[in-house]
Amino acid sequence: DSVRYQASLGSRFDDIDWHNGTDPVISLGRRLTAYNSALLPVRNLTLNHTPLELCVFGDAVVTFTSDTSNPGGYQAHISSLSDFEAPKPGPIVDPAGLAYTPDRIEIAANGTVLLFSQSHQSVFRWDPATQRYTQSIPLIGAPSFTAYTPVDNVVYLAYSSGLIRRLDLNDANPVEEPFSILATPPRGLSTAGSFVFAVDGSG
């Protein structure tokens, strides 16, 4: 109605259909990605085939490939949305004795030093009081930009796809959650209080 930009999937795709009429499911190569109604990617499934098309019926995701034994025919492959899994972070990296240069350094609300290492896909935490590293936080990928807000004690991570994830350091075991998607890849990320400012190439 307003003819204003609302959201982006943050990905190209080969085919698309909707679950419950609001939640997109897309295919790109062998990977299927399920989004929520806010158009944020929440779960993935990697197939052992590359689908030509996909259709969603209830919780069933049906993908189609050419039937090699029947020229001109198709084979249907049925998966369930319950088979989709949220992206998982990599293994925990122990930074003690590790030679690395932080890509960004922040002071957390509790005084802990946050050391972001893109190459190790981790947030290392240093306690100045004990002069020791505390539990590292593995990331799902290598973010292009990171920003931290002490007001909410949350880390924001912008990825090359345009996806921005949030990492709540108030949690005992922080895990990245989808937050927003930019129209194009990020060019910068910053915070001011509880607000997140992101720059992309869309103008």
N, C-alpha and C. Protein backbone atom coordinates (compact mmCIF):
# COMPACT_ATOMS: atom_id res chain seq x y z
N ASP A 1 0.82 -1.21 0.00
CA ASP A 1 0.00 0.00 0.00
C ASP A 1 0.85 1.26 0.00
N SER A 2 1.99 1.20 0.72
CA SER A 2 2.82 2.40 0.84
C SER A 2 3.90 2.47 -0.24
N VAL A 3 4.09 1.36 -0.98
CA VAL A 3 5.14 1.26 -1.99
C VAL A 3 6.51 1.56 -1.36
N ARG A 4 6.71 1.13 -0.13
CA ARG A 4 7.98 1.31 0.56
C ARG A 4 8.65 -0.05 0.76
N TYR A 5 9.99 -0.02 0.74
CA TYR A 5 10.75 -1.25 0.98
C TYR A 5 10.43 -1.80 2.37
N GLN A 6 10.20 -3.10 2.47
CA GLN A 6 9.88 -3.71 3.75
C GLN A 6 10.94 -4.69 4.22
N ALA A 7 11.39 -5.58 3.34
CA ALA A 7 12.34 -6.60 3.79
C ALA A 7 12.99 -7.25 2.60
N SER A 8 14.01 -8.06 2.89
CA SER A 8 14.73 -8.81 1.86
C SER A 8 14.97 -10.21 2.37
N LEU A 9 15.01 -11.17 1.46
CA LEU A 9 15.37 -12.53 1.85
C LEU A 9 16.87 -12.67 2.07
N GLY A 10 17.64 -11.70 1.58
CA GLY A 10 19.08 -11.76 1.77
C GLY A 10 19.74 -12.88 1.00
N SER A 11 19.08 -13.35 -0.04
CA SER A 11 19.63 -14.48 -0.80
C SER A 11 18.95 -14.54 -2.16
N ARG A 12 19.70 -14.95 -3.16
CA ARG A 12 19.06 -15.34 -4.41
C ARG A 12 18.47 -16.73 -4.20
N PHE A 13 17.63 -17.18 -5.10
CA PHE A 13 17.03 -18.51 -4.93
C PHE A 13 16.64 -19.08 -6.27
N ASP A 14 16.51 -20.40 -6.31
CA ASP A 14 16.09 -21.09 -7.53
C ASP A 14 14.57 -21.22 -7.59
N ASP A 15 13.95 -21.47 -6.44
CA ASP A 15 12.49 -21.59 -6.39
C ASP A 15 12.02 -21.20 -5.00
N ILE A 16 10.72 -20.89 -4.89
CA ILE A 16 10.17 -20.42 -3.63
C ILE A 16 8.71 -20.87 -3.50
N ASP A 17 8.31 -21.20 -2.28
CA ASP A 17 6.91 -21.45 -1.96
C ASP A 17 6.70 -21.03 -0.50
N TRP A 18 5.46 -21.03 -0.05
CA TRP A 18 5.17 -20.51 1.28
C TRP A 18 4.53 -21.57 2.18
N HIS A 19 4.96 -21.57 3.43
CA HIS A 19 4.35 -22.40 4.46
C HIS A 19 3.32 -21.54 5.19
N ASN A 20 2.11 -22.03 5.29
CA ASN A 20 1.00 -21.30 5.92
C ASN A 20 0.72 -19.97 5.23
N GLY A 21 1.17 -19.83 4.00
CA GLY A 21 0.88 -18.62 3.25
C GLY A 21 1.71 -17.41 3.62
N THR A 22 2.57 -17.53 4.63
CA THR A 22 3.33 -16.36 5.09
C THR A 22 4.83 -16.62 5.23
N ASP A 23 5.24 -17.86 5.45
CA ASP A 23 6.64 -18.17 5.74
C ASP A 23 7.31 -18.76 4.50
N PRO A 24 8.23 -18.04 3.87
CA PRO A 24 8.85 -18.56 2.65
C PRO A 24 9.76 -19.75 2.91
N VAL A 25 9.80 -20.64 1.95
CA VAL A 25 10.79 -21.72 1.88
C VAL A 25 11.44 -21.59 0.51
N ILE A 26 12.77 -21.47 0.48
CA ILE A 26 13.45 -21.29 -0.80
C ILE A 26 14.43 -22.43 -1.04
N SER A 27 14.74 -22.64 -2.31
CA SER A 27 15.79 -23.58 -2.69
C SER A 27 16.89 -22.81 -3.40
N LEU A 28 18.11 -23.18 -3.10
CA LEU A 28 19.29 -22.63 -3.78
C LEU A 28 20.29 -23.77 -3.89
N GLY A 29 20.44 -24.31 -5.09
CA GLY A 29 21.26 -25.50 -5.23
C GLY A 29 20.64 -26.65 -4.44
N ARG A 30 21.43 -27.28 -3.60
CA ARG A 30 20.93 -28.39 -2.78
C ARG A 30 20.39 -27.94 -1.42
N ARG A 31 20.47 -26.67 -1.14
CA ARG A 31 20.07 -26.19 0.19
C ARG A 31 18.67 -25.60 0.17
N LEU A 32 17.86 -26.02 1.14
CA LEU A 32 16.55 -25.43 1.38
C LEU A 32 16.64 -24.57 2.63
N THR A 33 16.02 -23.42 2.61
CA THR A 33 16.02 -22.52 3.77
C THR A 33 14.59 -22.13 4.08
N ALA A 34 14.22 -22.29 5.36
CA ALA A 34 12.90 -21.90 5.82
C ALA A 34 13.00 -20.57 6.57
N TYR A 35 12.11 -19.65 6.24
CA TYR A 35 12.06 -18.34 6.88
C TYR A 35 10.84 -18.25 7.78
N ASN A 36 10.86 -17.30 8.72
CA ASN A 36 9.66 -17.05 9.51
C ASN A 36 8.86 -15.93 8.85
N SER A 37 7.76 -15.54 9.47
CA SER A 37 6.88 -14.54 8.86
C SER A 37 7.52 -13.16 8.82
N ALA A 38 8.60 -12.96 9.60
CA ALA A 38 9.33 -11.69 9.56
C ALA A 38 10.41 -11.71 8.47
N LEU A 39 10.40 -12.76 7.64
CA LEU A 39 11.36 -12.95 6.55
C LEU A 39 12.79 -13.08 7.05
N LEU A 40 12.96 -13.77 8.18
CA LEU A 40 14.28 -14.06 8.72
C LEU A 40 14.54 -15.56 8.57
N PRO A 41 15.72 -15.94 8.04
CA PRO A 41 16.03 -17.36 7.87
C PRO A 41 16.24 -18.03 9.22
N VAL A 42 15.55 -19.13 9.45
CA VAL A 42 15.61 -19.77 10.76
C VAL A 42 16.14 -21.20 10.71
N ARG A 43 15.90 -21.92 9.60
CA ARG A 43 16.33 -23.32 9.54
C ARG A 43 16.74 -23.70 8.12
N ASN A 44 17.65 -24.67 8.04
CA ASN A 44 18.16 -25.12 6.74
C ASN A 44 18.06 -26.64 6.62
N LEU A 45 18.09 -27.10 5.38
CA LEU A 45 18.18 -28.53 5.10
C LEU A 45 18.98 -28.69 3.82
N THR A 46 20.00 -29.55 3.87
CA THR A 46 20.80 -29.83 2.68
C THR A 46 20.35 -31.16 2.10
N LEU A 47 19.97 -31.14 0.85
CA LEU A 47 19.47 -32.34 0.17
C LEU A 47 20.62 -33.09 -0.50
N ASN A 48 20.35 -34.31 -0.91
CA ASN A 48 21.34 -35.08 -1.68
C ASN A 48 21.07 -34.97 -3.18
N HIS A 49 20.22 -34.01 -3.54
CA HIS A 49 19.92 -33.77 -4.95
C HIS A 49 19.67 -32.27 -5.13
N THR A 50 19.72 -31.83 -6.39
CA THR A 50 19.44 -30.43 -6.71
C THR A 50 18.05 -30.35 -7.32
N PRO A 51 17.10 -29.77 -6.62
CA PRO A 51 15.72 -29.76 -7.12
C PRO A 51 15.52 -28.78 -8.27
N LEU A 52 14.60 -29.15 -9.17
CA LEU A 52 14.19 -28.25 -10.24
C LEU A 52 13.11 -27.29 -9.73
N GLU A 53 12.24 -27.81 -8.88
CA GLU A 53 11.15 -27.01 -8.32
C GLU A 53 10.85 -27.53 -6.91
N LEU A 54 10.14 -26.70 -6.14
CA LEU A 54 9.69 -27.15 -4.82
C LEU A 54 8.27 -26.67 -4.59
N CYS A 55 7.54 -27.43 -3.80
CA CYS A 55 6.19 -27.07 -3.37
C CYS A 55 6.05 -27.42 -1.90
N VAL A 56 5.32 -26.61 -1.16
CA VAL A 56 5.09 -26.84 0.27
C VAL A 56 3.62 -27.16 0.48
N PHE A 57 3.38 -28.32 1.11
CA PHE A 57 2.02 -28.74 1.44
C PHE A 57 1.98 -29.02 2.93
N GLY A 58 1.39 -28.14 3.72
CA GLY A 58 1.42 -28.30 5.17
C GLY A 58 2.85 -28.24 5.64
N ASP A 59 3.30 -29.27 6.36
CA ASP A 59 4.69 -29.33 6.83
C ASP A 59 5.58 -30.12 5.88
N ALA A 60 5.02 -30.58 4.76
CA ALA A 60 5.80 -31.35 3.79
C ALA A 60 6.38 -30.42 2.73
N VAL A 61 7.66 -30.61 2.45
CA VAL A 61 8.32 -29.86 1.38
C VAL A 61 8.65 -30.88 0.29
N VAL A 62 8.03 -30.71 -0.85
CA VAL A 62 8.20 -31.65 -1.96
C VAL A 62 9.10 -31.01 -3.01
N THR A 63 10.19 -31.69 -3.33
CA THR A 63 11.10 -31.20 -4.36
C THR A 63 11.06 -32.17 -5.54
N PHE A 64 11.30 -31.63 -6.73
CA PHE A 64 11.19 -32.42 -7.95
C PHE A 64 12.51 -32.42 -8.70
N THR A 65 12.88 -33.60 -9.21
CA THR A 65 14.04 -33.75 -10.08
C THR A 65 13.62 -34.52 -11.32
N SER A 66 14.46 -34.46 -12.34
CA SER A 66 14.17 -35.22 -13.56
C SER A 66 14.32 -36.71 -13.27
N ASP A 67 13.45 -37.50 -13.84
CA ASP A 67 13.50 -38.95 -13.69
C ASP A 67 14.40 -39.51 -14.80
N THR A 68 15.60 -39.91 -14.44
CA THR A 68 16.57 -40.38 -15.44
C THR A 68 16.11 -41.68 -16.12
N SER A 69 15.26 -42.44 -15.43
CA SER A 69 14.78 -43.70 -16.02
C SER A 69 13.54 -43.50 -16.88
N ASN A 70 12.99 -42.29 -16.85
CA ASN A 70 11.78 -42.01 -17.61
C ASN A 70 11.92 -40.62 -18.24
N PRO A 71 12.49 -40.55 -19.43
CA PRO A 71 12.72 -39.25 -20.08
C PRO A 71 11.45 -38.40 -20.13
N GLY A 72 11.58 -37.16 -19.67
CA GLY A 72 10.42 -36.26 -19.64
C GLY A 72 9.63 -36.38 -18.36
N GLY A 73 9.95 -37.38 -17.53
CA GLY A 73 9.23 -37.56 -16.28
C GLY A 73 9.96 -36.90 -15.11
N TYR A 74 9.33 -36.94 -13.96
CA TYR A 74 9.87 -36.32 -12.76
C TYR A 74 9.83 -37.29 -11.58
N GLN A 75 10.73 -37.07 -10.65
CA GLN A 75 10.70 -37.78 -9.37
C GLN A 75 10.41 -36.77 -8.27
N ALA A 76 9.57 -37.16 -7.34
CA ALA A 76 9.23 -36.30 -6.21
C ALA A 76 9.95 -36.80 -4.96
N HIS A 77 10.52 -35.87 -4.21
CA HIS A 77 11.22 -36.19 -2.97
C HIS A 77 10.54 -35.40 -1.85
N ILE A 78 10.15 -36.10 -0.80
CA ILE A 78 9.39 -35.45 0.28
C ILE A 78 10.26 -35.29 1.52
N SER A 79 10.34 -34.07 2.01
CA SER A 79 11.01 -33.77 3.29
C SER A 79 9.98 -33.11 4.19
N SER A 80 10.30 -33.06 5.47
CA SER A 80 9.43 -32.40 6.44
C SER A 80 10.13 -31.18 7.01
N LEU A 81 9.36 -30.16 7.32
CA LEU A 81 9.96 -28.98 7.94
C LEU A 81 10.61 -29.32 9.27
N SER A 82 10.19 -30.43 9.89
CA SER A 82 10.81 -30.85 11.14
C SER A 82 12.22 -31.38 10.91
N ASP A 83 12.56 -31.69 9.64
CA ASP A 83 13.91 -32.14 9.31
C ASP A 83 14.89 -30.98 9.20
N PHE A 84 14.36 -29.76 9.07
CA PHE A 84 15.21 -28.58 8.96
C PHE A 84 15.85 -28.29 10.32
N GLU A 85 17.08 -27.79 10.29
CA GLU A 85 17.80 -27.47 11.54
C GLU A 85 18.33 -26.05 11.49
N ALA A 86 18.38 -25.43 12.66
CA ALA A 86 18.97 -24.10 12.77
C ALA A 86 20.47 -24.18 12.52
N PRO A 87 21.06 -23.16 11.89
CA PRO A 87 22.52 -23.17 11.68
C PRO A 87 23.25 -23.29 13.02
N LYS A 88 24.32 -24.07 13.02
CA LYS A 88 25.04 -24.31 14.27
C LYS A 88 26.40 -23.61 14.25
N PRO A 89 26.81 -23.09 15.39
CA PRO A 89 28.15 -22.47 15.46
C PRO A 89 29.24 -23.52 15.34
N GLY A 90 30.44 -23.06 15.05
CA GLY A 90 31.57 -23.97 14.93
C GLY A 90 32.06 -24.41 16.29
N PRO A 91 33.16 -25.15 16.34
CA PRO A 91 33.71 -25.62 17.62
C PRO A 91 34.27 -24.46 18.44
N ILE A 92 34.31 -24.65 19.75
CA ILE A 92 34.87 -23.64 20.64
C ILE A 92 36.39 -23.59 20.46
N VAL A 93 36.92 -22.39 20.26
CA VAL A 93 38.36 -22.20 20.08
C VAL A 93 38.96 -21.66 21.37
N ASP A 94 40.02 -22.29 21.86
CA ASP A 94 40.72 -21.83 23.05
C ASP A 94 41.77 -20.81 22.63
N PRO A 95 41.61 -19.54 23.03
CA PRO A 95 42.55 -18.51 22.58
C PRO A 95 43.85 -18.45 23.38
N ALA A 96 43.93 -19.19 24.48
CA ALA A 96 45.13 -19.15 25.32
C ALA A 96 46.34 -19.60 24.51
N GLY A 97 47.32 -18.73 24.39
CA GLY A 97 48.53 -19.04 23.63
C GLY A 97 48.35 -18.92 22.14
N LEU A 98 47.18 -18.50 21.68
CA LEU A 98 46.89 -18.40 20.25
C LEU A 98 47.40 -17.06 19.71
N ALA A 99 48.16 -17.10 18.64
CA ALA A 99 48.65 -15.87 18.01
C ALA A 99 47.58 -15.36 17.06
N TYR A 100 46.96 -14.24 17.39
CA TYR A 100 45.92 -13.67 16.54
C TYR A 100 45.83 -12.17 16.80
N THR A 101 45.26 -11.47 15.86
CA THR A 101 45.01 -10.04 16.00
C THR A 101 43.51 -9.81 15.97
N PRO A 102 42.93 -9.26 17.03
CA PRO A 102 41.48 -9.03 17.05
C PRO A 102 41.06 -8.08 15.94
N ASP A 103 39.93 -8.37 15.32
CA ASP A 103 39.38 -7.48 14.30
C ASP A 103 38.63 -6.32 14.93
N ARG A 104 38.18 -6.50 16.16
CA ARG A 104 37.48 -5.44 16.89
C ARG A 104 37.57 -5.75 18.38
N ILE A 105 37.65 -4.71 19.19
CA ILE A 105 37.73 -4.86 20.64
C ILE A 105 36.65 -4.00 21.28
N GLU A 106 35.89 -4.58 22.20
CA GLU A 106 34.85 -3.85 22.93
C GLU A 106 34.96 -4.17 24.42
N ILE A 107 34.51 -3.26 25.25
CA ILE A 107 34.43 -3.49 26.69
C ILE A 107 32.98 -3.78 27.04
N ALA A 108 32.72 -4.98 27.55
CA ALA A 108 31.35 -5.37 27.89
C ALA A 108 30.88 -4.65 29.14
N ALA A 109 29.59 -4.72 29.39
CA ALA A 109 29.00 -4.03 30.53
C ALA A 109 29.59 -4.49 31.86
N ASN A 110 30.03 -5.74 31.95
CA ASN A 110 30.60 -6.27 33.20
C ASN A 110 32.11 -6.07 33.27
N GLY A 111 32.69 -5.34 32.33
CA GLY A 111 34.12 -5.08 32.34
C GLY A 111 34.95 -6.07 31.55
N THR A 112 34.32 -7.15 31.09
CA THR A 112 35.03 -8.14 30.28
C THR A 112 35.41 -7.52 28.93
N VAL A 113 36.60 -7.87 28.45
CA VAL A 113 37.04 -7.39 27.14
C VAL A 113 36.59 -8.40 26.09
N LEU A 114 35.86 -7.90 25.09
CA LEU A 114 35.39 -8.74 23.99
C LEU A 114 36.35 -8.59 22.81
N LEU A 115 36.90 -9.69 22.36
CA LEU A 115 37.87 -9.71 21.28
C LEU A 115 37.28 -10.50 20.11
N PHE A 116 36.99 -9.81 19.01
CA PHE A 116 36.36 -10.44 17.87
C PHE A 116 37.42 -10.92 16.90
N SER A 117 37.39 -12.20 16.56
CA SER A 117 38.33 -12.77 15.60
C SER A 117 37.55 -13.36 14.43
N GLN A 118 37.62 -12.68 13.29
CA GLN A 118 36.90 -13.14 12.11
C GLN A 118 37.48 -14.45 11.60
N SER A 119 38.80 -14.56 11.60
CA SER A 119 39.43 -15.77 11.07
C SER A 119 39.11 -17.00 11.90
N HIS A 120 38.91 -16.82 13.21
CA HIS A 120 38.57 -17.94 14.09
C HIS A 120 37.06 -18.05 14.32
N GLN A 121 36.30 -17.15 13.69
CA GLN A 121 34.84 -17.16 13.82
C GLN A 121 34.43 -17.28 15.29
N SER A 122 35.00 -16.40 16.11
CA SER A 122 34.79 -16.48 17.55
C SER A 122 34.78 -15.10 18.19
N VAL A 123 34.13 -15.04 19.33
CA VAL A 123 34.26 -13.89 20.23
C VAL A 123 35.00 -14.41 21.46
N PHE A 124 36.23 -13.93 21.64
CA PHE A 124 37.01 -14.30 22.82
C PHE A 124 36.72 -13.30 23.94
N ARG A 125 36.70 -13.80 25.17
CA ARG A 125 36.41 -12.93 26.31
C ARG A 125 37.56 -12.98 27.31
N TRP A 126 38.06 -11.79 27.68
CA TRP A 126 39.19 -11.66 28.59
C TRP A 126 38.73 -10.94 29.85
N ASP A 127 39.03 -11.55 31.00
CA ASP A 127 38.67 -10.96 32.30
C ASP A 127 39.88 -10.20 32.85
N PRO A 128 39.85 -8.87 32.87
CA PRO A 128 41.00 -8.10 33.37
C PRO A 128 41.29 -8.36 34.85
N ALA A 129 40.26 -8.72 35.62
CA ALA A 129 40.44 -8.94 37.05
C ALA A 129 41.29 -10.18 37.32
N THR A 130 41.02 -11.25 36.58
CA THR A 130 41.76 -12.51 36.79
C THR A 130 42.91 -12.67 35.80
N GLN A 131 42.96 -11.77 34.80
CA GLN A 131 43.98 -11.86 33.75
C GLN A 131 43.93 -13.21 33.04
N ARG A 132 42.70 -13.67 32.79
CA ARG A 132 42.50 -14.94 32.10
C ARG A 132 41.36 -14.82 31.10
N TYR A 133 41.42 -15.71 30.09
CA TYR A 133 40.29 -15.83 29.18
C TYR A 133 39.16 -16.57 29.88
N THR A 134 37.93 -16.15 29.59
CA THR A 134 36.76 -16.91 30.03
C THR A 134 36.22 -17.67 28.81
N GLN A 135 35.00 -18.21 28.93
CA GLN A 135 34.45 -19.05 27.87
C GLN A 135 34.33 -18.30 26.54
N SER A 136 34.91 -18.86 25.49
CA SER A 136 34.80 -18.28 24.15
C SER A 136 33.41 -18.55 23.58
N ILE A 137 33.01 -17.71 22.63
CA ILE A 137 31.72 -17.88 21.98
C ILE A 137 31.96 -18.18 20.50
N PRO A 138 31.71 -19.39 20.04
CA PRO A 138 31.86 -19.70 18.61
C PRO A 138 30.71 -19.10 17.81
N LEU A 139 31.01 -18.65 16.61
CA LEU A 139 30.01 -18.03 15.75
C LEU A 139 29.59 -18.98 14.63
N ILE A 140 28.49 -18.64 13.98
CA ILE A 140 27.97 -19.48 12.90
C ILE A 140 28.79 -19.30 11.62
N GLY A 141 29.40 -18.14 11.47
CA GLY A 141 30.22 -17.85 10.30
C GLY A 141 31.20 -16.75 10.61
N ALA A 142 31.73 -16.14 9.57
CA ALA A 142 32.68 -15.04 9.73
C ALA A 142 31.97 -13.73 9.39
N PRO A 143 31.56 -12.96 10.39
CA PRO A 143 30.83 -11.72 10.12
C PRO A 143 31.71 -10.66 9.47
N SER A 144 31.10 -9.85 8.62
CA SER A 144 31.82 -8.75 7.99
C SER A 144 32.01 -7.59 8.96
N PHE A 145 31.02 -7.38 9.81
CA PHE A 145 31.07 -6.29 10.78
C PHE A 145 30.44 -6.74 12.10
N THR A 146 30.92 -6.18 13.20
CA THR A 146 30.35 -6.46 14.51
C THR A 146 30.14 -5.15 15.25
N ALA A 147 29.19 -5.15 16.16
CA ALA A 147 28.94 -3.97 17.01
C ALA A 147 28.36 -4.46 18.33
N TYR A 148 28.60 -3.71 19.38
CA TYR A 148 28.15 -4.11 20.72
C TYR A 148 27.44 -2.94 21.38
N THR A 149 26.37 -3.24 22.10
CA THR A 149 25.68 -2.22 22.89
C THR A 149 25.68 -2.64 24.36
N PRO A 150 26.34 -1.85 25.23
CA PRO A 150 26.35 -2.18 26.66
C PRO A 150 24.99 -1.96 27.32
N VAL A 151 24.13 -1.17 26.67
CA VAL A 151 22.80 -0.92 27.24
C VAL A 151 22.02 -2.22 27.36
N ASP A 152 22.06 -3.04 26.31
CA ASP A 152 21.34 -4.32 26.31
C ASP A 152 22.28 -5.50 26.49
N ASN A 153 23.61 -5.24 26.47
CA ASN A 153 24.62 -6.30 26.57
C ASN A 153 24.44 -7.32 25.45
N VAL A 154 24.32 -6.77 24.24
CA VAL A 154 24.07 -7.59 23.06
C VAL A 154 25.10 -7.26 21.98
N VAL A 155 25.59 -8.31 21.31
CA VAL A 155 26.48 -8.17 20.16
C VAL A 155 25.66 -8.37 18.89
N TYR A 156 25.89 -7.51 17.90
CA TYR A 156 25.25 -7.64 16.60
C TYR A 156 26.32 -7.99 15.58
N LEU A 157 25.99 -8.92 14.69
CA LEU A 157 26.96 -9.39 13.70
C LEU A 157 26.32 -9.33 12.31
N ALA A 158 26.96 -8.60 11.40
CA ALA A 158 26.44 -8.46 10.04
C ALA A 158 27.26 -9.34 9.10
N TYR A 159 26.57 -10.16 8.32
CA TYR A 159 27.22 -11.10 7.41
C TYR A 159 27.10 -10.62 5.96
N SER A 160 27.94 -11.17 5.10
CA SER A 160 28.01 -10.73 3.71
C SER A 160 26.69 -10.93 2.97
N SER A 161 25.86 -11.85 3.43
CA SER A 161 24.55 -12.07 2.81
C SER A 161 23.58 -10.93 3.08
N GLY A 162 23.91 -10.07 4.05
CA GLY A 162 23.00 -9.02 4.48
C GLY A 162 22.30 -9.37 5.78
N LEU A 163 22.43 -10.62 6.21
CA LEU A 163 21.80 -11.05 7.45
C LEU A 163 22.53 -10.46 8.67
N ILE A 164 21.77 -9.93 9.60
CA ILE A 164 22.31 -9.46 10.88
C ILE A 164 21.78 -10.38 11.97
N ARG A 165 22.69 -10.93 12.76
CA ARG A 165 22.31 -11.77 13.89
C ARG A 165 22.64 -11.05 15.20
N ARG A 166 21.95 -11.43 16.27
CA ARG A 166 22.21 -10.86 17.59
C ARG A 166 22.69 -11.95 18.53
N LEU A 167 23.56 -11.56 19.46
CA LEU A 167 24.14 -12.48 20.42
C LEU A 167 23.94 -11.86 21.79
N ASP A 168 23.02 -12.40 22.58
CA ASP A 168 22.68 -11.84 23.88
C ASP A 168 23.64 -12.37 24.94
N LEU A 169 24.53 -11.50 25.43
CA LEU A 169 25.53 -11.92 26.40
C LEU A 169 24.95 -12.10 27.80
N ASN A 170 23.68 -11.77 27.97
CA ASN A 170 23.02 -12.03 29.25
C ASN A 170 22.70 -13.51 29.43
N ASP A 171 22.69 -14.24 28.32
CA ASP A 171 22.42 -15.68 28.38
C ASP A 171 23.66 -16.42 28.88
N ALA A 172 23.42 -17.50 29.59
CA ALA A 172 24.54 -18.30 30.11
C ALA A 172 25.35 -18.88 28.96
N ASN A 173 24.67 -19.31 27.90
CA ASN A 173 25.33 -19.84 26.71
C ASN A 173 24.80 -19.09 25.48
N PRO A 174 25.39 -17.95 25.17
CA PRO A 174 24.86 -17.13 24.07
C PRO A 174 24.90 -17.85 22.73
N VAL A 175 23.81 -17.75 21.97
CA VAL A 175 23.72 -18.35 20.65
C VAL A 175 23.16 -17.30 19.70
N GLU A 176 23.71 -17.21 18.50
CA GLU A 176 23.25 -16.23 17.53
C GLU A 176 21.79 -16.48 17.12
N GLU A 177 21.04 -15.38 17.00
CA GLU A 177 19.67 -15.44 16.53
C GLU A 177 19.48 -14.42 15.41
N PRO A 178 18.71 -14.75 14.37
CA PRO A 178 18.46 -13.77 13.30
C PRO A 178 17.80 -12.52 13.85
N PHE A 179 18.26 -11.36 13.37
CA PHE A 179 17.72 -10.08 13.85
C PHE A 179 17.11 -9.27 12.71
N SER A 180 17.82 -9.16 11.59
CA SER A 180 17.32 -8.37 10.47
C SER A 180 18.11 -8.75 9.22
N ILE A 181 17.61 -8.33 8.06
CA ILE A 181 18.31 -8.57 6.80
C ILE A 181 18.36 -7.26 6.02
N LEU A 182 19.55 -6.92 5.55
CA LEU A 182 19.72 -5.73 4.72
C LEU A 182 19.36 -6.04 3.28
N ALA A 183 19.10 -4.99 2.50
CA ALA A 183 18.75 -5.19 1.10
C ALA A 183 19.94 -5.67 0.29
N THR A 184 21.15 -5.24 0.67
CA THR A 184 22.37 -5.64 -0.01
C THR A 184 23.45 -5.91 1.04
N PRO A 185 24.61 -6.44 0.67
CA PRO A 185 25.65 -6.73 1.67
C PRO A 185 26.02 -5.51 2.51
N PRO A 186 26.39 -5.73 3.78
CA PRO A 186 26.66 -4.62 4.69
C PRO A 186 27.94 -3.87 4.32
N ARG A 187 27.94 -2.58 4.64
CA ARG A 187 29.13 -1.75 4.49
C ARG A 187 29.55 -1.14 5.83
N GLY A 188 28.75 -1.36 6.85
CA GLY A 188 29.10 -0.84 8.17
C GLY A 188 28.01 -1.18 9.17
N LEU A 189 28.39 -1.19 10.45
CA LEU A 189 27.45 -1.54 11.52
C LEU A 189 27.86 -0.80 12.78
N SER A 190 26.89 -0.23 13.48
CA SER A 190 27.19 0.48 14.72
C SER A 190 25.95 0.49 15.59
N THR A 191 26.12 0.84 16.85
CA THR A 191 25.01 0.92 17.79
C THR A 191 25.04 2.26 18.51
N ALA A 192 23.87 2.69 18.96
CA ALA A 192 23.73 3.88 19.81
C ALA A 192 22.59 3.59 20.77
N GLY A 193 22.94 3.33 22.04
CA GLY A 193 21.92 2.91 22.98
C GLY A 193 21.34 1.58 22.55
N SER A 194 20.02 1.52 22.43
CA SER A 194 19.36 0.29 22.01
C SER A 194 19.11 0.24 20.50
N PHE A 195 19.66 1.21 19.77
CA PHE A 195 19.43 1.27 18.32
C PHE A 195 20.63 0.68 17.57
N VAL A 196 20.32 0.01 16.46
CA VAL A 196 21.35 -0.56 15.60
C VAL A 196 21.32 0.18 14.27
N PHE A 197 22.47 0.66 13.84
CA PHE A 197 22.58 1.36 12.57
C PHE A 197 23.41 0.51 11.61
N ALA A 198 22.84 0.22 10.45
CA ALA A 198 23.52 -0.59 9.45
C ALA A 198 23.55 0.15 8.13
N VAL A 199 24.66 0.03 7.43
CA VAL A 199 24.83 0.67 6.13
C VAL A 199 24.96 -0.43 5.07
N ASP A 200 24.21 -0.25 3.98
CA ASP A 200 24.38 -1.15 2.84
C ASP A 200 24.44 -0.33 1.57
N GLY A 201 24.50 -0.99 0.43
CA GLY A 201 24.67 -0.29 -0.83
C GLY A 201 23.39 0.12 -1.51
N SER A 202 22.25 0.00 -0.83
CA SER A 202 20.97 0.29 -1.47
C SER A 202 20.67 1.79 -1.54
N GLY A 203 21.50 2.59 -0.84
CA GLY A 203 21.29 4.03 -0.86
C GLY A 203 20.38 4.51 0.26
